[in-house]
Amino acid sequence: MISPSCGMASFAARDYFSLFGLPVRFAIDPAALDSAWRSVQGAVHPDRFAGQGDSQRLLALQYSTQINEAYQTLKEPLRRASYICKLNGLEIEPERNTAMPPEFLAQQMEWRESLEDALAAQDFRAIEQLEMEVCAAITEGEILMEHLLDQSVPDTRRAAEEIRCMMFLVKFSAQLREEKRRVRHGTAANR
């Protein structure tokens, strides 16, 4: 039987960081997160309750699902940053709030034009160079996110703006990887 002694009875009232015994910080130790996830997940894994009643198995499955969601949220930097903002009372709502700084919008346009030029020329190296620039921008964004969110009073307003920018960067980076693959295999012109 799942009991309060395993610490899961109050799962719904706990934040993801405390669930895994981690401080609320953007900069986390991935190995510590992995270890904590294995420990917490092991305590409530549905296989441990195979001989129990239906309600206990269902409860274990629900906890296991919630634990996995918490783990994935903290493992992925943008989801972790968004979650920290949410814990501090600010929902990111990227589908409703797409505001970005004008200089970032100009950079976006420049990158998109560079991609179009590289695709027109079937220039694999130009796409690869663009991908490196975008990856560097993602790394810079993560460093800034740590600075903004790991202060004694997190700057969630500024972090939210940076999260929206980084969402574009991550999506654009995936597009660049796909375009590199297509150019490498000679299928970019057939899109």
N, C-alpha and C. Protein backbone atom coordinates (compact mmCIF):
# COMPACT_ATOMS: atom_id res chain seq x y z
N MET A 1 0.84 -1.19 0.00
CA MET A 1 0.00 0.00 0.00
C MET A 1 0.89 1.25 0.00
N ILE A 2 0.57 2.20 -0.83
CA ILE A 2 1.32 3.46 -0.84
C ILE A 2 0.94 4.21 0.41
N SER A 3 1.95 4.59 1.16
CA SER A 3 1.68 5.23 2.44
C SER A 3 2.40 6.56 2.53
N PRO A 4 1.97 7.40 3.49
CA PRO A 4 2.65 8.67 3.69
C PRO A 4 4.13 8.49 4.04
N SER A 5 4.50 7.33 4.56
CA SER A 5 5.90 7.12 4.93
C SER A 5 6.83 7.15 3.73
N CYS A 6 6.30 6.85 2.54
CA CYS A 6 7.18 6.91 1.37
C CYS A 6 7.27 8.33 0.83
N GLY A 7 6.53 9.25 1.47
CA GLY A 7 6.67 10.65 1.10
C GLY A 7 5.86 11.06 -0.11
N MET A 8 5.07 10.15 -0.66
CA MET A 8 4.36 10.47 -1.89
C MET A 8 2.93 10.93 -1.63
N ALA A 9 2.42 10.75 -0.45
CA ALA A 9 1.04 11.15 -0.18
C ALA A 9 0.87 12.65 -0.38
N SER A 10 1.92 13.41 -0.14
CA SER A 10 1.83 14.86 -0.28
C SER A 10 2.46 15.35 -1.58
N PHE A 11 2.63 14.45 -2.55
CA PHE A 11 3.30 14.82 -3.80
C PHE A 11 2.67 16.04 -4.46
N ALA A 12 1.35 16.07 -4.53
CA ALA A 12 0.67 17.16 -5.23
C ALA A 12 0.98 18.52 -4.61
N ALA A 13 1.30 18.55 -3.32
CA ALA A 13 1.56 19.81 -2.65
C ALA A 13 3.03 20.22 -2.74
N ARG A 14 3.86 19.39 -3.33
CA ARG A 14 5.29 19.67 -3.37
C ARG A 14 5.69 20.24 -4.73
N ASP A 15 6.71 21.10 -4.69
CA ASP A 15 7.24 21.56 -5.97
C ASP A 15 8.24 20.52 -6.47
N TYR A 16 8.58 20.59 -7.73
CA TYR A 16 9.44 19.59 -8.36
C TYR A 16 10.83 19.54 -7.73
N PHE A 17 11.34 20.68 -7.34
CA PHE A 17 12.67 20.71 -6.75
C PHE A 17 12.69 19.98 -5.41
N SER A 18 11.72 20.28 -4.54
CA SER A 18 11.70 19.62 -3.23
C SER A 18 11.39 18.14 -3.37
N LEU A 19 10.64 17.77 -4.37
CA LEU A 19 10.37 16.35 -4.62
C LEU A 19 11.68 15.58 -4.76
N PHE A 20 12.65 16.18 -5.41
CA PHE A 20 13.94 15.53 -5.64
C PHE A 20 15.02 15.98 -4.64
N GLY A 21 14.63 16.78 -3.65
CA GLY A 21 15.58 17.24 -2.64
C GLY A 21 16.62 18.21 -3.18
N LEU A 22 16.23 19.00 -4.16
CA LEU A 22 17.15 19.96 -4.79
C LEU A 22 16.73 21.39 -4.45
N PRO A 23 17.69 22.31 -4.39
CA PRO A 23 17.31 23.71 -4.18
C PRO A 23 16.66 24.27 -5.45
N VAL A 24 15.82 25.27 -5.28
CA VAL A 24 15.18 25.91 -6.43
C VAL A 24 16.21 26.81 -7.07
N ARG A 25 16.84 26.28 -8.12
CA ARG A 25 17.89 27.00 -8.84
C ARG A 25 17.85 26.57 -10.30
N PHE A 26 18.23 27.50 -11.17
CA PHE A 26 18.36 27.14 -12.58
C PHE A 26 19.56 26.22 -12.79
N ALA A 27 20.67 26.56 -12.14
CA ALA A 27 21.88 25.74 -12.25
C ALA A 27 21.73 24.53 -11.35
N ILE A 28 21.50 23.38 -11.95
CA ILE A 28 21.38 22.16 -11.16
C ILE A 28 22.43 21.16 -11.60
N ASP A 29 22.72 20.23 -10.73
CA ASP A 29 23.66 19.16 -11.03
C ASP A 29 22.87 18.04 -11.71
N PRO A 30 23.09 17.81 -13.01
CA PRO A 30 22.33 16.77 -13.71
C PRO A 30 22.48 15.39 -13.08
N ALA A 31 23.66 15.07 -12.57
CA ALA A 31 23.86 13.76 -11.94
C ALA A 31 23.03 13.65 -10.66
N ALA A 32 22.96 14.72 -9.89
CA ALA A 32 22.14 14.71 -8.66
C ALA A 32 20.67 14.57 -9.01
N LEU A 33 20.22 15.25 -10.07
CA LEU A 33 18.83 15.12 -10.51
C LEU A 33 18.55 13.69 -10.95
N ASP A 34 19.43 13.10 -11.75
CA ASP A 34 19.23 11.72 -12.21
C ASP A 34 19.16 10.75 -11.03
N SER A 35 20.06 10.90 -10.09
CA SER A 35 20.10 10.02 -8.92
C SER A 35 18.82 10.17 -8.09
N ALA A 36 18.40 11.40 -7.85
CA ALA A 36 17.19 11.64 -7.07
C ALA A 36 15.97 11.08 -7.79
N TRP A 37 15.91 11.26 -9.11
CA TRP A 37 14.79 10.74 -9.89
C TRP A 37 14.71 9.22 -9.76
N ARG A 38 15.85 8.53 -9.90
CA ARG A 38 15.85 7.07 -9.78
C ARG A 38 15.36 6.63 -8.41
N SER A 39 15.79 7.33 -7.38
CA SER A 39 15.40 6.99 -6.02
C SER A 39 13.90 7.18 -5.79
N VAL A 40 13.39 8.36 -6.17
CA VAL A 40 11.97 8.66 -5.97
C VAL A 40 11.12 7.76 -6.86
N GLN A 41 11.52 7.59 -8.09
CA GLN A 41 10.76 6.76 -9.01
C GLN A 41 10.74 5.31 -8.55
N GLY A 42 11.87 4.85 -8.03
CA GLY A 42 11.94 3.48 -7.54
C GLY A 42 10.98 3.20 -6.40
N ALA A 43 10.73 4.21 -5.58
CA ALA A 43 9.85 4.02 -4.42
C ALA A 43 8.39 3.84 -4.82
N VAL A 44 8.00 4.39 -5.95
CA VAL A 44 6.58 4.32 -6.34
C VAL A 44 6.36 3.67 -7.70
N HIS A 45 7.37 3.05 -8.26
CA HIS A 45 7.21 2.47 -9.59
C HIS A 45 6.05 1.47 -9.57
N PRO A 46 5.19 1.52 -10.58
CA PRO A 46 4.02 0.64 -10.62
C PRO A 46 4.35 -0.85 -10.48
N ASP A 47 5.50 -1.29 -10.93
CA ASP A 47 5.85 -2.71 -10.81
C ASP A 47 5.93 -3.15 -9.35
N ARG A 48 6.25 -2.23 -8.45
CA ARG A 48 6.32 -2.57 -7.03
C ARG A 48 4.95 -2.85 -6.44
N PHE A 49 3.90 -2.44 -7.14
CA PHE A 49 2.54 -2.58 -6.62
C PHE A 49 1.69 -3.55 -7.46
N ALA A 50 2.36 -4.41 -8.21
CA ALA A 50 1.67 -5.35 -9.09
C ALA A 50 0.73 -6.27 -8.30
N GLY A 51 1.08 -6.61 -7.08
CA GLY A 51 0.25 -7.51 -6.28
C GLY A 51 -0.79 -6.79 -5.45
N GLN A 52 -0.84 -5.50 -5.51
CA GLN A 52 -1.79 -4.70 -4.73
C GLN A 52 -3.12 -4.59 -5.49
N GLY A 53 -4.05 -3.93 -4.86
CA GLY A 53 -5.36 -3.72 -5.48
C GLY A 53 -5.26 -2.70 -6.62
N ASP A 54 -6.36 -2.64 -7.36
CA ASP A 54 -6.41 -1.72 -8.51
C ASP A 54 -6.15 -0.27 -8.11
N SER A 55 -6.70 0.16 -6.99
CA SER A 55 -6.54 1.56 -6.59
C SER A 55 -5.08 1.87 -6.27
N GLN A 56 -4.36 0.93 -5.64
CA GLN A 56 -2.95 1.15 -5.33
C GLN A 56 -2.11 1.17 -6.61
N ARG A 57 -2.42 0.29 -7.54
CA ARG A 57 -1.68 0.28 -8.82
C ARG A 57 -1.94 1.55 -9.60
N LEU A 58 -3.18 2.00 -9.60
CA LEU A 58 -3.51 3.24 -10.31
C LEU A 58 -2.81 4.44 -9.65
N LEU A 59 -2.81 4.47 -8.33
CA LEU A 59 -2.14 5.56 -7.61
C LEU A 59 -0.64 5.55 -7.91
N ALA A 60 -0.04 4.37 -7.92
CA ALA A 60 1.39 4.26 -8.23
C ALA A 60 1.66 4.74 -9.65
N LEU A 61 0.79 4.39 -10.58
CA LEU A 61 0.95 4.83 -11.97
C LEU A 61 0.84 6.35 -12.07
N GLN A 62 -0.11 6.92 -11.35
CA GLN A 62 -0.27 8.38 -11.37
C GLN A 62 0.97 9.07 -10.79
N TYR A 63 1.46 8.57 -9.65
CA TYR A 63 2.66 9.15 -9.05
C TYR A 63 3.85 9.02 -9.99
N SER A 64 3.99 7.86 -10.57
CA SER A 64 5.11 7.62 -11.48
C SER A 64 5.07 8.59 -12.66
N THR A 65 3.90 8.81 -13.20
CA THR A 65 3.73 9.75 -14.31
C THR A 65 4.08 11.17 -13.88
N GLN A 66 3.63 11.57 -12.70
CA GLN A 66 3.93 12.91 -12.19
C GLN A 66 5.42 13.08 -11.91
N ILE A 67 6.03 12.06 -11.40
CA ILE A 67 7.48 12.11 -11.12
C ILE A 67 8.25 12.25 -12.42
N ASN A 68 7.84 11.52 -13.45
CA ASN A 68 8.51 11.64 -14.75
C ASN A 68 8.33 13.03 -15.34
N GLU A 69 7.15 13.60 -15.18
CA GLU A 69 6.90 14.97 -15.67
C GLU A 69 7.80 15.95 -14.93
N ALA A 70 7.91 15.80 -13.61
CA ALA A 70 8.78 16.67 -12.82
C ALA A 70 10.22 16.53 -13.28
N TYR A 71 10.66 15.32 -13.50
CA TYR A 71 12.04 15.06 -13.93
C TYR A 71 12.31 15.71 -15.29
N GLN A 72 11.42 15.51 -16.25
CA GLN A 72 11.61 16.09 -17.58
C GLN A 72 11.61 17.62 -17.52
N THR A 73 10.78 18.18 -16.66
CA THR A 73 10.73 19.64 -16.51
C THR A 73 12.05 20.18 -15.98
N LEU A 74 12.61 19.52 -14.97
CA LEU A 74 13.86 20.02 -14.39
C LEU A 74 15.07 19.68 -15.25
N LYS A 75 14.98 18.63 -16.03
CA LYS A 75 16.12 18.21 -16.87
C LYS A 75 16.35 19.17 -18.04
N GLU A 76 15.28 19.69 -18.61
CA GLU A 76 15.36 20.53 -19.81
C GLU A 76 15.44 22.01 -19.40
N PRO A 77 16.50 22.72 -19.79
CA PRO A 77 16.72 24.08 -19.30
C PRO A 77 15.56 25.06 -19.48
N LEU A 78 14.92 25.07 -20.65
CA LEU A 78 13.83 26.03 -20.85
C LEU A 78 12.62 25.70 -19.99
N ARG A 79 12.30 24.43 -19.89
CA ARG A 79 11.18 24.03 -19.05
C ARG A 79 11.50 24.33 -17.58
N ARG A 80 12.75 24.11 -17.18
CA ARG A 80 13.16 24.40 -15.80
C ARG A 80 13.03 25.90 -15.52
N ALA A 81 13.51 26.72 -16.44
CA ALA A 81 13.43 28.18 -16.27
C ALA A 81 11.97 28.64 -16.20
N SER A 82 11.15 28.11 -17.07
CA SER A 82 9.72 28.46 -17.06
C SER A 82 9.08 28.06 -15.73
N TYR A 83 9.46 26.89 -15.24
CA TYR A 83 8.91 26.40 -13.98
C TYR A 83 9.33 27.29 -12.81
N ILE A 84 10.58 27.72 -12.80
CA ILE A 84 11.04 28.63 -11.73
C ILE A 84 10.25 29.94 -11.79
N CYS A 85 10.02 30.45 -12.99
CA CYS A 85 9.20 31.66 -13.12
C CYS A 85 7.80 31.42 -12.57
N LYS A 86 7.23 30.26 -12.91
CA LYS A 86 5.89 29.92 -12.42
C LYS A 86 5.87 29.85 -10.89
N LEU A 87 6.90 29.22 -10.30
CA LEU A 87 6.97 29.16 -8.83
C LEU A 87 7.03 30.55 -8.21
N ASN A 88 7.56 31.51 -8.97
CA ASN A 88 7.67 32.89 -8.50
C ASN A 88 6.50 33.76 -8.96
N GLY A 89 5.44 33.12 -9.45
CA GLY A 89 4.21 33.83 -9.77
C GLY A 89 4.10 34.39 -11.18
N LEU A 90 4.99 33.98 -12.09
CA LEU A 90 4.93 34.50 -13.45
C LEU A 90 4.82 33.35 -14.46
N GLU A 91 3.68 33.26 -15.10
CA GLU A 91 3.47 32.28 -16.16
C GLU A 91 4.07 32.83 -17.45
N ILE A 92 4.79 32.02 -18.18
CA ILE A 92 5.45 32.47 -19.41
C ILE A 92 4.44 32.68 -20.54
N GLU A 93 3.52 31.75 -20.73
CA GLU A 93 2.48 31.83 -21.76
C GLU A 93 3.03 32.22 -23.13
N PRO A 94 3.95 31.44 -23.69
CA PRO A 94 4.58 31.83 -24.96
C PRO A 94 3.61 31.90 -26.13
N GLU A 95 2.51 31.16 -26.06
CA GLU A 95 1.55 31.21 -27.16
C GLU A 95 0.74 32.51 -27.16
N ARG A 96 0.65 33.17 -26.00
CA ARG A 96 -0.10 34.43 -25.91
C ARG A 96 0.81 35.64 -25.83
N ASN A 97 2.01 35.47 -25.34
CA ASN A 97 2.93 36.60 -25.18
C ASN A 97 4.21 36.29 -25.97
N THR A 98 4.31 36.89 -27.13
CA THR A 98 5.45 36.62 -28.01
C THR A 98 6.41 37.81 -28.08
N ALA A 99 6.28 38.74 -27.13
CA ALA A 99 7.13 39.93 -27.14
C ALA A 99 8.61 39.56 -27.00
N MET A 100 9.44 40.14 -27.85
CA MET A 100 10.88 39.94 -27.81
C MET A 100 11.56 41.28 -28.04
N PRO A 101 12.78 41.42 -27.55
CA PRO A 101 13.50 42.68 -27.76
C PRO A 101 13.73 42.94 -29.25
N PRO A 102 13.68 44.20 -29.67
CA PRO A 102 13.86 44.54 -31.08
C PRO A 102 15.20 44.04 -31.65
N GLU A 103 16.26 44.11 -30.84
CA GLU A 103 17.56 43.65 -31.34
C GLU A 103 17.56 42.14 -31.60
N PHE A 104 16.79 41.38 -30.81
CA PHE A 104 16.70 39.94 -31.04
C PHE A 104 15.88 39.67 -32.30
N LEU A 105 14.83 40.44 -32.51
CA LEU A 105 14.02 40.27 -33.73
C LEU A 105 14.86 40.56 -34.97
N ALA A 106 15.72 41.57 -34.90
CA ALA A 106 16.61 41.89 -36.02
C ALA A 106 17.59 40.74 -36.26
N GLN A 107 18.12 40.18 -35.18
CA GLN A 107 19.04 39.05 -35.30
C GLN A 107 18.33 37.84 -35.91
N GLN A 108 17.09 37.61 -35.51
CA GLN A 108 16.29 36.53 -36.07
C GLN A 108 16.17 36.66 -37.59
N MET A 109 15.84 37.87 -38.01
CA MET A 109 15.67 38.12 -39.44
C MET A 109 16.99 37.87 -40.19
N GLU A 110 18.09 38.32 -39.60
CA GLU A 110 19.40 38.12 -40.23
C GLU A 110 19.71 36.63 -40.35
N TRP A 111 19.46 35.87 -39.29
CA TRP A 111 19.71 34.43 -39.33
C TRP A 111 18.84 33.74 -40.38
N ARG A 112 17.59 34.14 -40.45
CA ARG A 112 16.67 33.52 -41.43
C ARG A 112 17.12 33.83 -42.87
N GLU A 113 17.55 35.07 -43.11
CA GLU A 113 18.06 35.43 -44.43
C GLU A 113 19.32 34.63 -44.76
N SER A 114 20.20 34.47 -43.78
CA SER A 114 21.42 33.67 -43.99
C SER A 114 21.06 32.23 -44.32
N LEU A 115 20.06 31.69 -43.65
CA LEU A 115 19.63 30.32 -43.94
C LEU A 115 19.07 30.23 -45.36
N GLU A 116 18.25 31.18 -45.75
CA GLU A 116 17.69 31.16 -47.10
C GLU A 116 18.80 31.23 -48.16
N ASP A 117 19.78 32.09 -47.93
CA ASP A 117 20.91 32.19 -48.87
C ASP A 117 21.69 30.88 -48.94
N ALA A 118 21.94 30.29 -47.77
CA ALA A 118 22.69 29.03 -47.73
C ALA A 118 21.92 27.90 -48.41
N LEU A 119 20.62 27.89 -48.23
CA LEU A 119 19.81 26.85 -48.87
C LEU A 119 19.78 27.04 -50.39
N ALA A 120 19.67 28.29 -50.80
CA ALA A 120 19.66 28.56 -52.24
C ALA A 120 20.97 28.12 -52.89
N ALA A 121 22.07 28.26 -52.16
CA ALA A 121 23.39 27.87 -52.68
C ALA A 121 23.75 26.42 -52.34
N GLN A 122 22.84 25.75 -51.58
CA GLN A 122 23.14 24.39 -51.11
C GLN A 122 24.48 24.35 -50.38
N ASP A 123 24.73 25.37 -49.56
CA ASP A 123 26.00 25.56 -48.88
C ASP A 123 25.95 24.94 -47.47
N PHE A 124 26.39 23.70 -47.38
CA PHE A 124 26.38 22.96 -46.12
C PHE A 124 27.19 23.68 -45.05
N ARG A 125 28.38 24.17 -45.42
CA ARG A 125 29.25 24.83 -44.43
C ARG A 125 28.62 26.11 -43.88
N ALA A 126 27.91 26.84 -44.70
CA ALA A 126 27.25 28.06 -44.22
C ALA A 126 26.15 27.72 -43.21
N ILE A 127 25.42 26.65 -43.48
CA ILE A 127 24.39 26.22 -42.53
C ILE A 127 25.04 25.75 -41.24
N GLU A 128 26.13 25.02 -41.37
CA GLU A 128 26.86 24.55 -40.19
C GLU A 128 27.38 25.72 -39.36
N GLN A 129 27.89 26.74 -40.02
CA GLN A 129 28.38 27.94 -39.32
C GLN A 129 27.23 28.65 -38.61
N LEU A 130 26.11 28.75 -39.27
CA LEU A 130 24.93 29.37 -38.68
C LEU A 130 24.46 28.58 -37.46
N GLU A 131 24.51 27.27 -37.57
CA GLU A 131 24.12 26.42 -36.45
C GLU A 131 25.05 26.66 -35.25
N MET A 132 26.34 26.81 -35.49
CA MET A 132 27.28 27.08 -34.40
C MET A 132 26.98 28.42 -33.73
N GLU A 133 26.62 29.42 -34.52
CA GLU A 133 26.25 30.74 -33.96
C GLU A 133 25.03 30.62 -33.06
N VAL A 134 24.04 29.88 -33.54
CA VAL A 134 22.81 29.73 -32.77
C VAL A 134 23.08 28.93 -31.49
N CYS A 135 23.89 27.89 -31.58
CA CYS A 135 24.24 27.11 -30.39
C CYS A 135 24.98 27.97 -29.37
N ALA A 136 25.85 28.85 -29.85
CA ALA A 136 26.56 29.77 -28.95
C ALA A 136 25.57 30.72 -28.28
N ALA A 137 24.58 31.17 -29.03
CA ALA A 137 23.55 32.05 -28.47
C ALA A 137 22.73 31.31 -27.41
N ILE A 138 22.46 30.03 -27.62
CA ILE A 138 21.73 29.23 -26.63
C ILE A 138 22.56 29.12 -25.35
N THR A 139 23.84 28.85 -25.50
CA THR A 139 24.72 28.75 -24.33
C THR A 139 24.77 30.07 -23.57
N GLU A 140 24.89 31.17 -24.29
CA GLU A 140 24.88 32.49 -23.65
C GLU A 140 23.56 32.73 -22.93
N GLY A 141 22.47 32.31 -23.56
CA GLY A 141 21.15 32.46 -22.94
C GLY A 141 21.03 31.67 -21.64
N GLU A 142 21.59 30.47 -21.62
CA GLU A 142 21.54 29.66 -20.41
C GLU A 142 22.37 30.28 -19.30
N ILE A 143 23.49 30.87 -19.65
CA ILE A 143 24.32 31.56 -18.65
C ILE A 143 23.56 32.77 -18.09
N LEU A 144 22.92 33.51 -18.97
CA LEU A 144 22.12 34.66 -18.53
C LEU A 144 20.96 34.19 -17.65
N MET A 145 20.32 33.08 -18.04
CA MET A 145 19.19 32.55 -17.27
C MET A 145 19.63 32.21 -15.85
N GLU A 146 20.80 31.60 -15.73
CA GLU A 146 21.33 31.28 -14.39
C GLU A 146 21.50 32.55 -13.58
N HIS A 147 22.06 33.57 -14.20
CA HIS A 147 22.25 34.85 -13.51
C HIS A 147 20.91 35.46 -13.08
N LEU A 148 19.92 35.41 -13.95
CA LEU A 148 18.63 36.03 -13.67
C LEU A 148 17.82 35.28 -12.62
N LEU A 149 17.90 33.94 -12.65
CA LEU A 149 17.02 33.15 -11.80
C LEU A 149 17.65 32.68 -10.50
N ASP A 150 18.97 32.66 -10.42
CA ASP A 150 19.61 32.14 -9.22
C ASP A 150 20.03 33.24 -8.24
N GLN A 151 19.44 34.40 -8.39
CA GLN A 151 19.65 35.49 -7.44
C GLN A 151 18.75 35.26 -6.23
N SER A 152 19.00 35.97 -5.14
CA SER A 152 18.12 35.84 -3.97
C SER A 152 16.69 36.27 -4.33
N VAL A 153 16.56 37.26 -5.21
CA VAL A 153 15.25 37.66 -5.74
C VAL A 153 15.33 37.51 -7.27
N PRO A 154 14.80 36.42 -7.80
CA PRO A 154 14.91 36.18 -9.25
C PRO A 154 14.26 37.29 -10.08
N ASP A 155 14.90 37.62 -11.19
CA ASP A 155 14.36 38.60 -12.13
C ASP A 155 13.51 37.85 -13.15
N THR A 156 12.30 37.47 -12.74
CA THR A 156 11.45 36.63 -13.59
C THR A 156 10.95 37.36 -14.83
N ARG A 157 10.74 38.67 -14.71
CA ARG A 157 10.28 39.43 -15.88
C ARG A 157 11.30 39.35 -17.01
N ARG A 158 12.54 39.59 -16.66
CA ARG A 158 13.62 39.53 -17.66
C ARG A 158 13.86 38.09 -18.10
N ALA A 159 13.76 37.14 -17.17
CA ALA A 159 13.93 35.73 -17.51
C ALA A 159 12.85 35.28 -18.50
N ALA A 160 11.62 35.75 -18.31
CA ALA A 160 10.53 35.38 -19.22
C ALA A 160 10.83 35.85 -20.64
N GLU A 161 11.36 37.05 -20.76
CA GLU A 161 11.74 37.58 -22.07
C GLU A 161 12.83 36.71 -22.69
N GLU A 162 13.80 36.34 -21.89
CA GLU A 162 14.90 35.50 -22.37
C GLU A 162 14.41 34.10 -22.74
N ILE A 163 13.47 33.57 -21.98
CA ILE A 163 12.90 32.24 -22.28
C ILE A 163 12.24 32.26 -23.65
N ARG A 164 11.47 33.30 -23.94
CA ARG A 164 10.82 33.39 -25.25
C ARG A 164 11.85 33.44 -26.37
N CYS A 165 12.93 34.17 -26.16
CA CYS A 165 14.01 34.23 -27.16
C CYS A 165 14.65 32.86 -27.33
N MET A 166 14.92 32.20 -26.20
CA MET A 166 15.57 30.90 -26.28
C MET A 166 14.67 29.84 -26.91
N MET A 167 13.36 29.99 -26.76
CA MET A 167 12.44 29.05 -27.41
C MET A 167 12.63 29.13 -28.94
N PHE A 168 12.76 30.35 -29.45
CA PHE A 168 13.03 30.51 -30.87
C PHE A 168 14.36 29.85 -31.22
N LEU A 169 15.40 30.12 -30.42
CA LEU A 169 16.73 29.60 -30.72
C LEU A 169 16.75 28.07 -30.77
N VAL A 170 16.09 27.44 -29.82
CA VAL A 170 16.06 25.97 -29.78
C VAL A 170 15.32 25.43 -31.00
N LYS A 171 14.21 26.05 -31.34
CA LYS A 171 13.44 25.61 -32.51
C LYS A 171 14.24 25.84 -33.80
N PHE A 172 14.89 27.00 -33.90
CA PHE A 172 15.69 27.32 -35.08
C PHE A 172 16.88 26.38 -35.20
N SER A 173 17.48 26.03 -34.07
CA SER A 173 18.61 25.10 -34.07
C SER A 173 18.18 23.74 -34.62
N ALA A 174 17.01 23.28 -34.22
CA ALA A 174 16.49 22.00 -34.74
C ALA A 174 16.25 22.11 -36.24
N GLN A 175 15.74 23.25 -36.69
CA GLN A 175 15.51 23.46 -38.13
C GLN A 175 16.84 23.42 -38.88
N LEU A 176 17.86 24.04 -38.30
CA LEU A 176 19.18 24.05 -38.94
C LEU A 176 19.76 22.64 -39.07
N ARG A 177 19.59 21.83 -38.01
CA ARG A 177 20.07 20.44 -38.09
C ARG A 177 19.37 19.68 -39.21
N GLU A 178 18.06 19.92 -39.33
CA GLU A 178 17.29 19.24 -40.39
C GLU A 178 17.73 19.74 -41.77
N GLU A 179 17.94 21.02 -41.91
CA GLU A 179 18.37 21.56 -43.20
C GLU A 179 19.76 21.07 -43.57
N LYS A 180 20.64 20.95 -42.58
CA LYS A 180 21.99 20.38 -42.84
C LYS A 180 21.86 18.95 -43.37
N ARG A 181 20.99 18.19 -42.73
CA ARG A 181 20.77 16.81 -43.16
C ARG A 181 20.26 16.76 -44.60
N ARG A 182 19.32 17.63 -44.90
CA ARG A 182 18.75 17.65 -46.25
C ARG A 182 19.79 18.04 -47.30
N VAL A 183 20.58 19.08 -46.98
CA VAL A 183 21.61 19.51 -47.94
C VAL A 183 22.65 18.41 -48.13
N ARG A 184 23.05 17.78 -47.02
CA ARG A 184 24.03 16.70 -47.09
C ARG A 184 23.53 15.57 -47.99
N HIS A 185 22.23 15.27 -47.92
CA HIS A 185 21.67 14.17 -48.70
C HIS A 185 21.07 14.62 -50.03
N GLY A 186 21.23 15.90 -50.32
CA GLY A 186 20.76 16.41 -51.61
C GLY A 186 19.26 16.51 -51.75
N THR A 187 18.53 16.63 -50.63
CA THR A 187 17.07 16.71 -50.72
C THR A 187 16.52 18.10 -50.43
N ALA A 188 17.39 19.07 -50.14
CA ALA A 188 16.92 20.42 -49.78
C ALA A 188 16.17 21.09 -50.94
N ALA A 189 16.61 20.86 -52.15
CA ALA A 189 15.96 21.51 -53.30
C ALA A 189 14.59 20.92 -53.56
N ASN A 190 14.31 19.74 -53.03
CA ASN A 190 13.04 19.08 -53.30
C ASN A 190 11.99 19.36 -52.23
N ARG A 191 12.24 20.33 -51.38
CA ARG A 191 11.30 20.59 -50.28
C ARG A 191 10.02 21.16 -50.79
